[in-house]
C-alpha atoms as a PDB file:
ATOM      1  CA  MET A   1       5.163  -4.322  -6.382  1.00  0.00           C
ATOM      2  CA  LYS A   2       8.686  -6.233  -7.045  1.00  0.00           C
ATOM      3  CA  SER A   3       8.636  -9.769  -8.819  1.00  0.00           C
ATOM      4  CA  ILE A   4      10.672 -10.925  -6.188  1.00  0.00           C
ATOM      5  CA  ASP A   5       8.576  -9.556  -3.270  1.00  0.00           C
ATOM      6  CA  LEU A   6       5.775 -11.080  -4.842  1.00  0.00           C
ATOM      7  CA  LYS A   7       6.906 -14.910  -5.780  1.00  0.00           C
ATOM      8  CA  LYS A   8       8.244 -14.653  -2.215  1.00  0.00           C
ATOM      9  CA  ARG A   9       5.382 -13.375  -0.829  1.00  0.00           C
ATOM     10  CA  PHE A  10       2.695 -15.203  -2.916  1.00  0.00           C
ATOM     11  CA  GLY A  11       4.023 -17.125  -5.476  1.00  0.00           C
ATOM     12  CA  ILE A  12       3.325 -15.554  -8.529  1.00  0.00           C
ATOM     13  CA  SER A  13       5.767 -13.672 -10.479  1.00  0.00           C
ATOM     14  CA  LEU A  14       4.967 -10.506 -11.974  1.00  0.00           C
ATOM     15  CA  GLU A  15       3.528 -10.794 -14.984  1.00  0.00           C
ATOM     16  CA  GLU A  16       1.038 -12.945 -13.276  1.00  0.00           C
ATOM     17  CA  TYR A  17      -0.138  -9.864 -11.526  1.00  0.00           C
ATOM     18  CA  GLN A  18      -0.310  -7.699 -13.932  1.00  0.00           C
ATOM     19  CA  GLU A  19      -2.308 -10.135 -15.744  1.00  0.00           C
ATOM     20  CA  MET A  20      -4.818  -9.770 -12.431  1.00  0.00           C
ATOM     21  CA  LEU A  21      -5.092  -6.240 -12.981  1.00  0.00           C
ATOM     22  CA  GLU A  22      -5.575  -6.664 -16.308  1.00  0.00           C
ATOM     23  CA  LYS A  23      -8.549  -8.399 -15.788  1.00  0.00           C
ATOM     24  CA  GLN A  24      -9.755  -6.397 -12.896  1.00  0.00           C
ATOM     25  CA  ASN A  25      -9.547  -3.456 -15.135  1.00  0.00           C
ATOM     26  CA  TYR A  26      -6.794  -2.013 -12.512  1.00  0.00           C
ATOM     27  CA  VAL A  27      -8.964  -1.303  -9.968  1.00  0.00           C
ATOM     28  CA  CYS A  28      -9.943  -3.039  -6.346  1.00  0.00           C
ATOM     29  CA  ALA A  29     -11.883  -6.178  -6.824  1.00  0.00           C
ATOM     30  CA  THR A  30     -14.349  -5.043  -3.665  1.00  0.00           C
ATOM     31  CA  CYS A  31     -14.748  -1.688  -4.019  1.00  0.00           C
ATOM     32  CA  ASN A  32     -14.423  -0.807  -7.981  1.00  0.00           C
ATOM     33  CA  ARG A  33     -12.012   2.253  -7.232  1.00  0.00           C
ATOM     34  CA  PRO A  34      -7.736   2.672  -8.177  1.00  0.00           C
ATOM     35  CA  GLU A  35      -5.341   2.670  -5.869  1.00  0.00           C
ATOM     36  CA  ARG A  36      -5.676   6.069  -4.005  1.00  0.00           C
ATOM     37  CA  SER A  37      -3.471   5.402  -1.260  1.00  0.00           C
ATOM     38  CA  ILE A  38       0.347   7.357  -1.681  1.00  0.00           C
ATOM     39  CA  ASP A  39       2.929   5.478   0.228  1.00  0.00           C
ATOM     40  CA  HIS A  40       5.065   8.036   2.254  1.00  0.00           C
ATOM     41  CA  ARG A  41       8.436   6.122   1.238  1.00  0.00           C
ATOM     42  CA  THR A  42       8.163   6.689  -2.169  1.00  0.00           C
ATOM     43  CA  LYS A  43       5.785   9.899  -2.785  1.00  0.00           C
ATOM     44  CA  GLN A  44       4.259   7.714  -5.539  1.00  0.00           C
ATOM     45  CA  VAL A  45       0.493   6.177  -5.513  1.00  0.00           C
ATOM     46  CA  ARG A  46       0.977   2.182  -4.375  1.00  0.00           C
ATOM     47  CA  SER A  47       0.095  -0.872  -6.309  1.00  0.00           C
ATOM     48  CA  LEU A  48      -3.431  -3.450  -5.639  1.00  0.00           C
ATOM     49  CA  ALA A  49      -2.762  -5.557  -2.455  1.00  0.00           C
ATOM     50  CA  VAL A  50      -2.811  -9.021  -3.653  1.00  0.00           C
ATOM     51  CA  ASP A  51      -5.117 -10.509  -1.189  1.00  0.00           C
ATOM     52  CA  HIS A  52      -5.381 -14.075  -0.184  1.00  0.00           C
ATOM     53  CA  CYS A  53      -7.380 -16.568   2.381  1.00  0.00           C
ATOM     54  CA  HIS A  54      -4.831 -16.519   5.226  1.00  0.00           C
ATOM     55  CA  THR A  55      -4.920 -20.253   5.837  1.00  0.00           C
ATOM     56  CA  THR A  56      -5.167 -21.830   2.941  1.00  0.00           C
ATOM     57  CA  GLY A  57      -3.118 -19.121   1.073  1.00  0.00           C
ATOM     58  CA  LYS A  58      -5.220 -19.042  -2.167  1.00  0.00           C
ATOM     59  CA  ILE A  59      -4.676 -15.579  -3.745  1.00  0.00           C
ATOM     60  CA  ARG A  60      -8.426 -14.103  -3.804  1.00  0.00           C
ATOM     61  CA  GLY A  61      -7.776 -10.928  -6.205  1.00  0.00           C
ATOM     62  CA  LEU A  62      -6.640  -7.420  -5.773  1.00  0.00           C
ATOM     63  CA  LEU A  63      -7.512  -5.172  -3.571  1.00  0.00           C
ATOM     64  CA  CYS A  64      -7.184  -1.098  -2.648  1.00  0.00           C
ATOM     65  CA  SER A  65      -5.108  -0.129   0.943  1.00  0.00           C
ATOM     66  CA  ASP A  66      -8.802   0.620   2.065  1.00  0.00           C
ATOM     67  CA  CYS A  67     -10.315  -2.239   1.284  1.00  0.00           C
ATOM     68  CA  ASN A  68      -7.749  -4.492   2.126  1.00  0.00           C
ATOM     69  CA  THR A  69      -6.907  -3.128   5.652  1.00  0.00           C
ATOM     70  CA  ALA A  70     -11.032  -2.811   6.529  1.00  0.00           C
ATOM     71  CA  LEU A  71     -10.643  -7.201   5.687  1.00  0.00           C
ATOM     72  CA  GLY A  72      -7.678  -7.786   7.515  1.00  0.00           C
ATOM     73  CA  LEU A  73      -9.652  -6.059  10.760  1.00  0.00           C
ATOM     74  CA  LEU A  74     -12.495  -7.310  10.462  1.00  0.00           C
ATOM     75  CA  LYS A  75      -9.785 -11.012  10.159  1.00  0.00           C
ATOM     76  CA  ASP A  76     -13.096 -12.406   7.147  1.00  0.00           C
ATOM     77  CA  ASN A  77     -15.566 -12.212   9.342  1.00  0.00           C
ATOM     78  CA  THR A  78     -18.465 -12.403   7.170  1.00  0.00           C
ATOM     79  CA  GLU A  79     -20.326 -12.841   9.643  1.00  0.00           C
ATOM     80  CA  THR A  80     -19.546  -9.278  10.930  1.00  0.00           C
ATOM     81  CA  MET A  81     -19.187  -7.944   7.218  1.00  0.00           C
ATOM     82  CA  LYS A  82     -23.334  -8.919   6.758  1.00  0.00           C
ATOM     83  CA  ASN A  83     -24.140  -6.918  10.606  1.00  0.00           C
ATOM     84  CA  MET A  84     -22.133  -4.538   9.883  1.00  0.00           C
ATOM     85  CA  ILE A  85     -24.122  -3.441   6.481  1.00  0.00           C
ATOM     86  CA  SER A  86     -27.615  -4.722   8.146  1.00  0.00           C
ATOM     87  CA  TYR A  87     -26.750  -1.852  10.290  1.00  0.00           C
ATOM     88  CA  LEU A  88     -25.330   1.112   8.240  1.00  0.00           C
ATOM     89  CA  ASN A  89     -28.783   0.326   6.580  1.00  0.00           C
ATOM     90  CA  ALA A  90     -30.809   0.646   9.739  1.00  0.00           C
ATOM     91  CA  GLN A  91     -28.782   3.832  10.044  1.00  0.00           C
ATOM     92  CA  ALA A  92     -29.887   4.901   7.335  1.00  0.00           C
ATOM     93  CA  MET A  93     -33.419   4.120   6.974  1.00  0.00           C
ATOM     94  CA  LYS A  94     -33.496   6.145  10.301  1.00  0.00           C
ATOM     95  CA  ASN A  95     -32.071   9.794   8.573  1.00  0.00           C
ATOM     96  CA  ALA A  96     -33.956   9.070   5.929  1.00  0.00           C
END
């Protein structure tokens, strides 16, 4: 992730990004796994995405591509997330 992009998009420096990365032990804030997604242009593992509130702009943490995409698709709707967890738990009970 380029320093200029971080500053322009999120208002943080590369050093601040690195500090966040270290505090999270280099893993996603939600799934606790390192990024696995490969950038098709560079053929390198992507950097963790800067997750932020689209209303306030406040940075929440660093996420892997999968978790960042999931939050975006759910539009940060915690009620939908709770409903999905309930659904998965109910299905797991049926299949146990």
